Amino acid sequence: MFIRDLDWLVALAEYGHVTDTAAILETSQPTLSRALARMETELGTRVFERSTDGIHITPVGEIVVAAARDVTARYEQLLRDLETVLDPDTGVARLAFLDSIATSVVPAVLRTVRDEAPRIRVVLRQEPGHHILLDLDSGAVDLAITSGRPPGDFGWHALQEDRLVLIVPPGHRFATRKALRLNEVARDQFVMTPLGFGFRSHVDALLGDAGVVPDVSFESQDLATIEGLVAAGLGVAIVPEPTAGASGTIGIRISADGARRTIGLTWRADRQLSAPAARFRDIVGAAWE
């Protein structure tokens, strides 16, 4: 028995007449009658009783038709689910990204993809870097925009490089400086992202290279909030240069080779991407060559 047969059973139950149903299904009445007889033989029971005014479903037929509806509905759902994976222009791409780039790189990437493939549905997940790697490994997301190429078997396409600066509030003793070494602010309190965040790891490494163990006054997942806390005189912070100055902070260049971060698109290179995710990756790769 085929899915088409089940569709025909459901249609016969709905219209109650073989000739009318055949016309709606765009097949001949003898073809539909033979198919019904074959299905009833295969099932070992009559699904419909024939009469001069059409066909009438039997009690056993009610069970058969209910099952046919369920199977055909599941099959249609299967086709829809497969479309989200196989159709590069109308499927679903799942993208994770760091909290610290939520308002900068991500909107530009999404706009580019929307312009090129407006029917791709992008499911977003904003989370810390270590969660992103777990989700890429498990397959919970297809792609991620993160800071630095992850170790291991990952594809990578660089999107943007940000200089990192130290921000201080107006009136800070270093407010007029153009550059400084991080050991010069070893006595200051720092406003930072929480432990476990990729950006926090980067900042901790920078401070560690300078021999600084930070005294953390406040933590926030949001760089804009961090900038506002610094502006209020609640500490100093290391942030990407575009973040500096939004609330009146002053950005000072850090004299250290590692005071940069590279933002890029990454994906597992040891498994095949779904068609929509591959389309997303290719669009971004062409736009940020």
C-alpha atoms as a PDB file:
ATOM      1  CA  MET A   1       0.000   0.000   0.000  1.00  0.00           C
ATOM      2  CA  PHE A   2       1.298   3.428  -0.956  1.00  0.00           C
ATOM      3  CA  ILE A   3       0.852   6.903   0.511  1.00  0.00           C
ATOM      4  CA  ARG A   4      -1.265   7.690  -2.555  1.00  0.00           C
ATOM      5  CA  ASP A   5      -3.593   4.835  -1.625  1.00  0.00           C
ATOM      6  CA  LEU A   6      -4.061   6.266   1.859  1.00  0.00           C
ATOM      7  CA  ASP A   7      -4.790   9.705   0.387  1.00  0.00           C
ATOM      8  CA  TRP A   8      -7.433   8.113  -1.831  1.00  0.00           C
ATOM      9  CA  LEU A   9      -9.038   6.319   1.119  1.00  0.00           C
ATOM     10  CA  VAL A  10      -9.314   9.607   3.014  1.00  0.00           C
ATOM     11  CA  ALA A  11     -10.771  11.340  -0.038  1.00  0.00           C
ATOM     12  CA  LEU A  12     -13.355   8.571  -0.552  1.00  0.00           C
ATOM     13  CA  ALA A  13     -14.418   8.901   3.080  1.00  0.00           C
ATOM     14  CA  GLU A  14     -14.801  12.667   2.688  1.00  0.00           C
ATOM     15  CA  TYR A  15     -16.759  12.691  -0.595  1.00  0.00           C
ATOM     16  CA  GLY A  16     -18.735   9.422  -0.276  1.00  0.00           C
ATOM     17  CA  HIS A  17     -18.940   8.711  -3.989  1.00  0.00           C
ATOM     18  CA  VAL A  18     -16.413   6.952  -6.209  1.00  0.00           C
ATOM     19  CA  THR A  19     -17.172   8.895  -9.401  1.00  0.00           C
ATOM     20  CA  ASP A  20     -17.042  12.312  -7.719  1.00  0.00           C
ATOM     21  CA  THR A  21     -13.874  11.406  -5.814  1.00  0.00           C
ATOM     22  CA  ALA A  22     -12.182  10.175  -8.998  1.00  0.00           C
ATOM     23  CA  ALA A  23     -12.944  13.477 -10.704  1.00  0.00           C
ATOM     24  CA  ILE A  24     -11.513  15.464  -7.795  1.00  0.00           C
ATOM     25  CA  LEU A  25      -8.400  13.261  -7.734  1.00  0.00           C
ATOM     26  CA  GLU A  26      -8.090  13.607 -11.513  1.00  0.00           C
ATOM     27  CA  THR A  27      -8.130   9.880 -12.152  1.00  0.00           C
ATOM     28  CA  SER A  28     -10.680   7.568 -13.769  1.00  0.00           C
ATOM     29  CA  GLN A  29     -13.513   5.921 -11.863  1.00  0.00           C
ATOM     30  CA  PRO A  30     -12.407   2.374 -12.864  1.00  0.00           C
ATOM     31  CA  THR A  31      -8.859   3.105 -11.689  1.00  0.00           C
ATOM     32  CA  LEU A  32     -10.100   4.319  -8.302  1.00  0.00           C
ATOM     33  CA  SER A  33     -12.511   1.382  -7.962  1.00  0.00           C
ATOM     34  CA  ARG A  34      -9.732  -1.110  -8.699  1.00  0.00           C
ATOM     35  CA  ALA A  35      -7.447   0.610  -6.193  1.00  0.00           C
ATOM     36  CA  LEU A  36     -10.132   0.464  -3.495  1.00  0.00           C
ATOM     37  CA  ALA A  37     -10.759  -3.220  -4.166  1.00  0.00           C
ATOM     38  CA  ARG A  38      -7.010  -3.915  -3.979  1.00  0.00           C
ATOM     39  CA  MET A  39      -6.675  -2.034  -0.675  1.00  0.00           C
ATOM     40  CA  GLU A  40      -9.626  -3.861   0.866  1.00  0.00           C
ATOM     41  CA  THR A  41      -8.142  -7.195  -0.223  1.00  0.00           C
ATOM     42  CA  GLU A  42      -4.798  -6.233   1.286  1.00  0.00           C
ATOM     43  CA  LEU A  43      -6.457  -5.147   4.536  1.00  0.00           C
ATOM     44  CA  GLY A  44      -8.717  -8.203   4.632  1.00  0.00           C
ATOM     45  CA  THR A  45     -11.865  -6.172   5.307  1.00  0.00           C
ATOM     46  CA  ARG A  46     -14.380  -3.907   3.595  1.00  0.00           C
ATOM     47  CA  VAL A  47     -13.704  -0.259   4.214  1.00  0.00           C
ATOM     48  CA  PHE A  48     -16.835   0.980   2.408  1.00  0.00           C
ATOM     49  CA  GLU A  49     -20.234  -0.479   1.644  1.00  0.00           C
ATOM     50  CA  ARG A  50     -21.464   0.269  -1.863  1.00  0.00           C
ATOM     51  CA  SER A  51     -25.010   1.461  -2.509  1.00  0.00           C
ATOM     52  CA  THR A  52     -26.968   3.227  -5.229  1.00  0.00           C
ATOM     53  CA  ASP A  53     -26.367   6.607  -3.580  1.00  0.00           C
ATOM     54  CA  GLY A  54     -22.627   6.194  -3.173  1.00  0.00           C
ATOM     55  CA  ILE A  55     -20.352   4.519  -0.624  1.00  0.00           C
ATOM     56  CA  HIS A  56     -20.694   4.388   3.153  1.00  0.00           C
ATOM     57  CA  ILE A  57     -17.822   3.801   5.546  1.00  0.00           C
ATOM     58  CA  THR A  58     -18.025   0.664   7.694  1.00  0.00           C
ATOM     59  CA  PRO A  59     -17.192   0.578  11.427  1.00  0.00           C
ATOM     60  CA  VAL A  60     -13.884  -1.109  10.631  1.00  0.00           C
ATOM     61  CA  GLY A  61     -13.427   1.405   7.837  1.00  0.00           C
ATOM     62  CA  GLU A  62     -13.613   4.217  10.411  1.00  0.00           C
ATOM     63  CA  ILE A  63     -10.505   2.747  12.049  1.00  0.00           C
ATOM     64  CA  VAL A  64      -8.760   2.348   8.705  1.00  0.00           C
ATOM     65  CA  VAL A  65      -9.527   5.885   7.536  1.00  0.00           C
ATOM     66  CA  ALA A  66      -8.481   7.396  10.896  1.00  0.00           C
ATOM     67  CA  ALA A  67      -5.142   5.592  10.598  1.00  0.00           C
ATOM     68  CA  ALA A  68      -4.812   6.719   6.970  1.00  0.00           C
ATOM     69  CA  ARG A  69      -5.336  10.339   8.018  1.00  0.00           C
ATOM     70  CA  ASP A  70      -2.671   9.983  10.703  1.00  0.00           C
ATOM     71  CA  VAL A  71      -0.126   8.395   8.367  1.00  0.00           C
ATOM     72  CA  THR A  72      -0.673  10.932   5.576  1.00  0.00           C
ATOM     73  CA  ALA A  73      -0.411  13.817   8.063  1.00  0.00           C
ATOM     74  CA  ARG A  74       2.857  12.390   9.374  1.00  0.00           C
ATOM     75  CA  TYR A  75       4.156  11.988   5.836  1.00  0.00           C
ATOM     76  CA  GLU A  76       3.302  15.598   4.995  1.00  0.00           C
ATOM     77  CA  GLN A  77       5.081  16.721   8.169  1.00  0.00           C
ATOM     78  CA  LEU A  78       8.091  14.629   7.157  1.00  0.00           C
ATOM     79  CA  LEU A  79       8.221  16.431   3.813  1.00  0.00           C
ATOM     80  CA  ARG A  80       8.039  19.803   5.558  1.00  0.00           C
ATOM     81  CA  ASP A  81      10.796  18.795   7.967  1.00  0.00           C
ATOM     82  CA  LEU A  82      12.999  17.607   5.131  1.00  0.00           C
ATOM     83  CA  GLU A  83      12.419  20.859   3.278  1.00  0.00           C
ATOM     84  CA  THR A  84      13.929  22.788   6.181  1.00  0.00           C
ATOM     85  CA  VAL A  85      17.115  20.741   5.785  1.00  0.00           C
ATOM     86  CA  LEU A  86      17.311  20.167   2.037  1.00  0.00           C
ATOM     87  CA  ASP A  87      15.986  23.357   0.446  1.00  0.00           C
ATOM     88  CA  PRO A  88      18.789  25.943   0.407  1.00  0.00           C
ATOM     89  CA  ASP A  89      16.416  28.854  -0.173  1.00  0.00           C
ATOM     90  CA  THR A  90      13.480  28.124   2.146  1.00  0.00           C
ATOM     91  CA  GLY A  91      14.909  25.977   4.910  1.00  0.00           C
ATOM     92  CA  VAL A  92      16.185  26.731   8.398  1.00  0.00           C
ATOM     93  CA  ALA A  93      19.709  27.764   9.407  1.00  0.00           C
ATOM     94  CA  ARG A  94      20.513  27.815  13.138  1.00  0.00           C
ATOM     95  CA  LEU A  95      23.010  30.468  14.198  1.00  0.00           C
ATOM     96  CA  ALA A  96      24.612  31.024  17.605  1.00  0.00           C
ATOM     97  CA  PHE A  97      26.544  34.155  18.480  1.00  0.00           C
ATOM     98  CA  LEU A  98      28.356  35.804  21.368  1.00  0.00           C
ATOM     99  CA  ASP A  99      26.546  38.286  23.576  1.00  0.00           C
ATOM    100  CA  SER A 100      29.352  40.787  23.028  1.00  0.00           C
ATOM    101  CA  ILE A 101      28.678  41.060  19.274  1.00  0.00           C
ATOM    102  CA  ALA A 102      24.889  41.050  19.373  1.00  0.00           C
ATOM    103  CA  THR A 103      24.568  44.655  18.212  1.00  0.00           C
ATOM    104  CA  SER A 104      27.514  44.919  15.835  1.00  0.00           C
ATOM    105  CA  VAL A 105      28.456  42.123  13.445  1.00  0.00           C
ATOM    106  CA  VAL A 106      25.331  39.987  13.760  1.00  0.00           C
ATOM    107  CA  PRO A 107      22.824  42.517  12.360  1.00  0.00           C
ATOM    108  CA  ALA A 108      25.067  43.176   9.351  1.00  0.00           C
ATOM    109  CA  VAL A 109      25.408  39.454   8.636  1.00  0.00           C
ATOM    110  CA  LEU A 110      21.682  38.836   8.941  1.00  0.00           C
ATOM    111  CA  ARG A 111      20.879  41.753   6.650  1.00  0.00           C
ATOM    112  CA  THR A 112      23.268  40.408   4.018  1.00  0.00           C
ATOM    113  CA  VAL A 113      21.735  36.937   4.152  1.00  0.00           C
ATOM    114  CA  ARG A 114      18.196  38.341   4.088  1.00  0.00           C
ATOM    115  CA  ASP A 115      19.010  40.393   0.988  1.00  0.00           C
ATOM    116  CA  GLU A 116      20.376  37.360  -0.876  1.00  0.00           C
ATOM    117  CA  ALA A 117      18.051  34.615   0.414  1.00  0.00           C
ATOM    118  CA  PRO A 118      14.976  36.222   1.982  1.00  0.00           C
ATOM    119  CA  ARG A 119      13.110  32.947   2.491  1.00  0.00           C
ATOM    120  CA  ILE A 120      15.764  31.259   4.644  1.00  0.00           C
ATOM    121  CA  ARG A 121      14.540  31.221   8.238  1.00  0.00           C
ATOM    122  CA  VAL A 122      17.389  31.905  10.654  1.00  0.00           C
ATOM    123  CA  VAL A 123      16.938  30.667  14.216  1.00  0.00           C
ATOM    124  CA  LEU A 124      19.132  32.703  16.568  1.00  0.00           C
ATOM    125  CA  ARG A 125      20.772  31.648  19.815  1.00  0.00           C
ATOM    126  CA  GLN A 126      22.709  34.210  21.880  1.00  0.00           C
ATOM    127  CA  GLU A 127      25.026  32.592  24.423  1.00  0.00           C
ATOM    128  CA  PRO A 128      28.540  32.406  25.921  1.00  0.00           C
ATOM    129  CA  GLY A 129      31.413  31.010  23.913  1.00  0.00           C
ATOM    130  CA  HIS A 130      31.684  27.695  25.763  1.00  0.00           C
ATOM    131  CA  HIS A 131      27.978  27.035  25.189  1.00  0.00           C
ATOM    132  CA  ILE A 132      28.411  27.791  21.500  1.00  0.00           C
ATOM    133  CA  LEU A 133      31.089  25.113  21.138  1.00  0.00           C
ATOM    134  CA  LEU A 134      28.906  22.565  22.919  1.00  0.00           C
ATOM    135  CA  ASP A 135      25.982  23.400  20.620  1.00  0.00           C
ATOM    136  CA  LEU A 136      28.151  23.118  17.511  1.00  0.00           C
ATOM    137  CA  ASP A 137      29.436  19.745  18.715  1.00  0.00           C
ATOM    138  CA  SER A 138      25.956  18.423  19.494  1.00  0.00           C
ATOM    139  CA  GLY A 139      24.398  19.766  16.302  1.00  0.00           C
ATOM    140  CA  ALA A 140      22.017  22.080  18.165  1.00  0.00           C
ATOM    141  CA  VAL A 141      23.266  24.902  15.910  1.00  0.00           C
ATOM    142  CA  ASP A 142      24.717  24.814  12.407  1.00  0.00           C
ATOM    143  CA  LEU A 143      26.857  27.961  12.457  1.00  0.00           C
ATOM    144  CA  ALA A 144      28.236  30.426  14.965  1.00  0.00           C
ATOM    145  CA  ILE A 145      29.707  33.896  15.017  1.00  0.00           C
ATOM    146  CA  THR A 146      32.377  33.922  17.665  1.00  0.00           C
ATOM    147  CA  SER A 147      35.681  35.447  18.685  1.00  0.00           C
ATOM    148  CA  GLY A 148      38.685  33.539  17.398  1.00  0.00           C
ATOM    149  CA  ARG A 149      38.732  30.286  15.465  1.00  0.00           C
ATOM    150  CA  PRO A 150      37.828  27.419  17.818  1.00  0.00           C
ATOM    151  CA  PRO A 151      40.425  24.704  18.332  1.00  0.00           C
ATOM    152  CA  GLY A 152      39.709  21.479  16.511  1.00  0.00           C
ATOM    153  CA  ASP A 153      38.003  20.567  13.270  1.00  0.00           C
ATOM    154  CA  PHE A 154      36.160  23.806  12.543  1.00  0.00           C
ATOM    155  CA  GLY A 155      35.705  25.829   9.398  1.00  0.00           C
ATOM    156  CA  TRP A 156      36.359  29.546   9.760  1.00  0.00           C
ATOM    157  CA  HIS A 157      35.705  32.731   7.846  1.00  0.00           C
ATOM    158  CA  ALA A 158      36.979  35.958   9.403  1.00  0.00           C
ATOM    159  CA  LEU A 159      34.487  38.825   9.390  1.00  0.00           C
ATOM    160  CA  GLN A 160      35.974  41.654  11.401  1.00  0.00           C
ATOM    161  CA  GLU A 161      38.948  42.551  13.564  1.00  0.00           C
ATOM    162  CA  ASP A 162      38.377  44.787  16.581  1.00  0.00           C
ATOM    163  CA  ARG A 163      41.039  46.666  18.497  1.00  0.00           C
ATOM    164  CA  LEU A 164      40.593  46.337  22.247  1.00  0.00           C
ATOM    165  CA  VAL A 165      40.956  49.478  24.350  1.00  0.00           C
ATOM    166  CA  LEU A 166      40.874  50.314  28.022  1.00  0.00           C
ATOM    167  CA  ILE A 167      37.952  52.584  28.852  1.00  0.00           C
ATOM    168  CA  VAL A 168      38.070  54.925  31.843  1.00  0.00           C
ATOM    169  CA  PRO A 169      35.559  57.467  33.181  1.00  0.00           C
ATOM    170  CA  PRO A 170      36.018  61.203  32.648  1.00  0.00           C
ATOM    171  CA  GLY A 171      38.384  62.579  35.279  1.00  0.00           C
ATOM    172  CA  HIS A 172      40.346  59.336  35.620  1.00  0.00           C
ATOM    173  CA  ARG A 173      44.070  59.880  36.155  1.00  0.00           C
ATOM    174  CA  PHE A 174      44.789  58.371  32.718  1.00  0.00           C
ATOM    175  CA  ALA A 175      41.938  60.116  30.869  1.00  0.00           C
ATOM    176  CA  THR A 176      44.339  62.183  28.783  1.00  0.00           C
ATOM    177  CA  ARG A 177      46.627  59.299  27.826  1.00  0.00           C
ATOM    178  CA  LYS A 178      46.746  58.012  24.256  1.00  0.00           C
ATOM    179  CA  ALA A 179      48.170  54.617  25.202  1.00  0.00           C
ATOM    180  CA  LEU A 180      49.155  52.655  28.277  1.00  0.00           C
ATOM    181  CA  ARG A 181      50.375  49.305  29.522  1.00  0.00           C
ATOM    182  CA  LEU A 182      47.908  47.231  31.495  1.00  0.00           C
ATOM    183  CA  ASN A 183      50.185  46.932  34.500  1.00  0.00           C
ATOM    184  CA  GLU A 184      49.658  50.657  34.991  1.00  0.00           C
ATOM    185  CA  VAL A 185      46.035  50.024  36.011  1.00  0.00           C
ATOM    186  CA  ALA A 186      46.744  47.024  38.237  1.00  0.00           C
ATOM    187  CA  ARG A 187      45.327  48.924  41.247  1.00  0.00           C
ATOM    188  CA  ASP A 188      42.057  49.855  39.530  1.00  0.00           C
ATOM    189  CA  GLN A 189      38.846  47.920  39.844  1.00  0.00           C
ATOM    190  CA  PHE A 190      37.591  46.286  36.646  1.00  0.00           C
ATOM    191  CA  VAL A 191      34.122  45.864  35.208  1.00  0.00           C
ATOM    192  CA  MET A 192      34.081  42.597  33.248  1.00  0.00           C
ATOM    193  CA  THR A 193      31.953  39.993  31.562  1.00  0.00           C
ATOM    194  CA  PRO A 194      31.278  36.883  33.700  1.00  0.00           C
ATOM    195  CA  LEU A 195      33.608  33.912  33.885  1.00  0.00           C
ATOM    196  CA  GLY A 196      32.939  31.399  31.138  1.00  0.00           C
ATOM    197  CA  PHE A 197      32.350  34.023  28.477  1.00  0.00           C
ATOM    198  CA  GLY A 198      34.750  33.993  25.529  1.00  0.00           C
ATOM    199  CA  PHE A 199      35.448  37.702  25.857  1.00  0.00           C
ATOM    200  CA  ARG A 200      36.257  37.289  29.570  1.00  0.00           C
ATOM    201  CA  SER A 201      38.808  34.611  28.721  1.00  0.00           C
ATOM    202  CA  HIS A 202      40.444  36.949  26.216  1.00  0.00           C
ATOM    203  CA  VAL A 203      40.602  39.816  28.711  1.00  0.00           C
ATOM    204  CA  ASP A 204      41.900  37.572  31.499  1.00  0.00           C
ATOM    205  CA  ALA A 205      44.673  36.395  29.165  1.00  0.00           C
ATOM    206  CA  LEU A 206      45.644  39.978  28.335  1.00  0.00           C
ATOM    207  CA  LEU A 207      45.749  40.941  31.995  1.00  0.00           C
ATOM    208  CA  GLY A 208      47.610  37.785  32.902  1.00  0.00           C
ATOM    209  CA  ASP A 209      50.301  38.520  30.315  1.00  0.00           C
ATOM    210  CA  ALA A 210      50.721  41.928  31.984  1.00  0.00           C
ATOM    211  CA  GLY A 211      50.950  40.357  35.435  1.00  0.00           C
ATOM    212  CA  VAL A 212      47.594  41.839  36.519  1.00  0.00           C
ATOM    213  CA  VAL A 213      45.136  39.977  38.724  1.00  0.00           C
ATOM    214  CA  PRO A 214      41.968  42.048  38.300  1.00  0.00           C
ATOM    215  CA  ASP A 215      39.911  43.286  41.219  1.00  0.00           C
ATOM    216  CA  VAL A 216      36.424  42.904  39.723  1.00  0.00           C
ATOM    217  CA  SER A 217      33.841  45.422  40.894  1.00  0.00           C
ATOM    218  CA  PHE A 218      30.934  44.383  38.648  1.00  0.00           C
ATOM    219  CA  GLU A 219      30.167  41.803  35.992  1.00  0.00           C
ATOM    220  CA  SER A 220      27.732  42.097  33.095  1.00  0.00           C
ATOM    221  CA  GLN A 221      27.048  40.051  29.983  1.00  0.00           C
ATOM    222  CA  ASP A 222      26.394  43.212  28.002  1.00  0.00           C
ATOM    223  CA  LEU A 223      29.269  45.394  26.780  1.00  0.00           C
ATOM    224  CA  ALA A 224      27.029  48.463  26.570  1.00  0.00           C
ATOM    225  CA  THR A 225      26.171  48.007  30.254  1.00  0.00           C
ATOM    226  CA  ILE A 226      29.848  47.631  31.092  1.00  0.00           C
ATOM    227  CA  GLU A 227      30.596  50.868  29.268  1.00  0.00           C
ATOM    228  CA  GLY A 228      27.838  52.622  31.218  1.00  0.00           C
ATOM    229  CA  LEU A 229      29.145  51.338  34.552  1.00  0.00           C
ATOM    230  CA  VAL A 230      32.620  52.636  33.718  1.00  0.00           C
ATOM    231  CA  ALA A 231      31.155  56.010  32.734  1.00  0.00           C
ATOM    232  CA  ALA A 232      29.537  56.120  36.178  1.00  0.00           C
ATOM    233  CA  GLY A 233      32.960  55.754  37.811  1.00  0.00           C
ATOM    234  CA  LEU A 234      32.521  52.150  38.931  1.00  0.00           C
ATOM    235  CA  GLY A 235      35.766  50.828  37.485  1.00  0.00           C
ATOM    236  CA  VAL A 236      37.703  50.525  34.245  1.00  0.00           C
ATOM    237  CA  ALA A 237      37.180  47.944  31.508  1.00  0.00           C
ATOM    238  CA  ILE A 238      38.675  46.428  28.394  1.00  0.00           C
ATOM    239  CA  VAL A 239      36.224  46.536  25.486  1.00  0.00           C
ATOM    240  CA  PRO A 240      36.236  46.552  21.679  1.00  0.00           C
ATOM    241  CA  GLU A 241      37.051  50.035  20.427  1.00  0.00           C
ATOM    242  CA  PRO A 242      33.587  50.653  18.873  1.00  0.00           C
ATOM    243  CA  THR A 243      32.050  50.317  22.357  1.00  0.00           C
ATOM    244  CA  ALA A 244      34.107  53.148  23.834  1.00  0.00           C
ATOM    245  CA  GLY A 245      32.587  56.577  24.319  1.00  0.00           C
ATOM    246  CA  ALA A 246      28.896  55.729  24.067  1.00  0.00           C
ATOM    247  CA  SER A 247      28.201  57.023  27.592  1.00  0.00           C
ATOM    248  CA  GLY A 248      31.132  59.386  27.848  1.00  0.00           C
ATOM    249  CA  THR A 249      33.950  56.955  28.593  1.00  0.00           C
ATOM    250  CA  ILE A 250      37.406  57.554  27.173  1.00  0.00           C
ATOM    251  CA  GLY A 251      39.121  54.818  25.171  1.00  0.00           C
ATOM    252  CA  ILE A 252      42.867  54.382  25.572  1.00  0.00           C
ATOM    253  CA  ARG A 253      44.976  52.205  23.286  1.00  0.00           C
ATOM    254  CA  ILE A 254      46.521  49.204  25.034  1.00  0.00           C
ATOM    255  CA  SER A 255      50.232  48.657  24.374  1.00  0.00           C
ATOM    256  CA  ALA A 256      50.055  44.879  23.929  1.00  0.00           C
ATOM    257  CA  ASP A 257      50.214  42.670  20.840  1.00  0.00           C
ATOM    258  CA  GLY A 258      47.142  40.670  21.846  1.00  0.00           C
ATOM    259  CA  ALA A 259      44.851  43.671  22.264  1.00  0.00           C
ATOM    260  CA  ARG A 260      42.699  42.637  19.322  1.00  0.00           C
ATOM    261  CA  ARG A 261      39.980  40.138  18.649  1.00  0.00           C
ATOM    262  CA  THR A 262      38.944  38.574  15.360  1.00  0.00           C
ATOM    263  CA  ILE A 263      35.246  37.908  14.846  1.00  0.00           C
ATOM    264  CA  GLY A 264      34.347  35.169  12.409  1.00  0.00           C
ATOM    265  CA  LEU A 265      31.805  32.642  11.223  1.00  0.00           C
ATOM    266  CA  THR A 266      32.539  29.056  12.217  1.00  0.00           C
ATOM    267  CA  TRP A 267      31.035  25.603  11.687  1.00  0.00           C
ATOM    268  CA  ARG A 268      31.947  21.965  12.176  1.00  0.00           C
ATOM    269  CA  ALA A 269      34.166  20.976   9.252  1.00  0.00           C
ATOM    270  CA  ASP A 270      33.871  17.241   9.916  1.00  0.00           C
ATOM    271  CA  ARG A 271      30.179  17.007   9.051  1.00  0.00           C
ATOM    272  CA  GLN A 272      27.991  18.179   6.203  1.00  0.00           C
ATOM    273  CA  LEU A 273      25.999  21.342   6.709  1.00  0.00           C
ATOM    274  CA  SER A 274      22.326  21.379   5.834  1.00  0.00           C
ATOM    275  CA  ALA A 275      21.581  23.061   2.511  1.00  0.00           C
ATOM    276  CA  PRO A 276      20.209  26.272   4.106  1.00  0.00           C
ATOM    277  CA  ALA A 277      23.174  26.515   6.500  1.00  0.00           C
ATOM    278  CA  ALA A 278      25.623  25.987   3.633  1.00  0.00           C
ATOM    279  CA  ARG A 279      23.809  28.687   1.646  1.00  0.00           C
ATOM    280  CA  PHE A 280      24.064  31.031   4.658  1.00  0.00           C
ATOM    281  CA  ARG A 281      27.797  30.317   4.976  1.00  0.00           C
ATOM    282  CA  ASP A 282      28.428  30.870   1.267  1.00  0.00           C
ATOM    283  CA  ILE A 283      26.536  34.173   1.223  1.00  0.00           C
ATOM    284  CA  VAL A 284      28.533  35.463   4.183  1.00  0.00           C
ATOM    285  CA  GLY A 285      31.798  34.192   2.719  1.00  0.00           C
ATOM    286  CA  ALA A 286      31.196  36.007  -0.559  1.00  0.00           C
ATOM    287  CA  ALA A 287      30.215  39.249   1.184  1.00  0.00           C
ATOM    288  CA  TRP A 288      33.229  39.289   3.523  1.00  0.00           C
ATOM    289  CA  GLU A 289      35.987  38.164   1.153  1.00  0.00           C
END
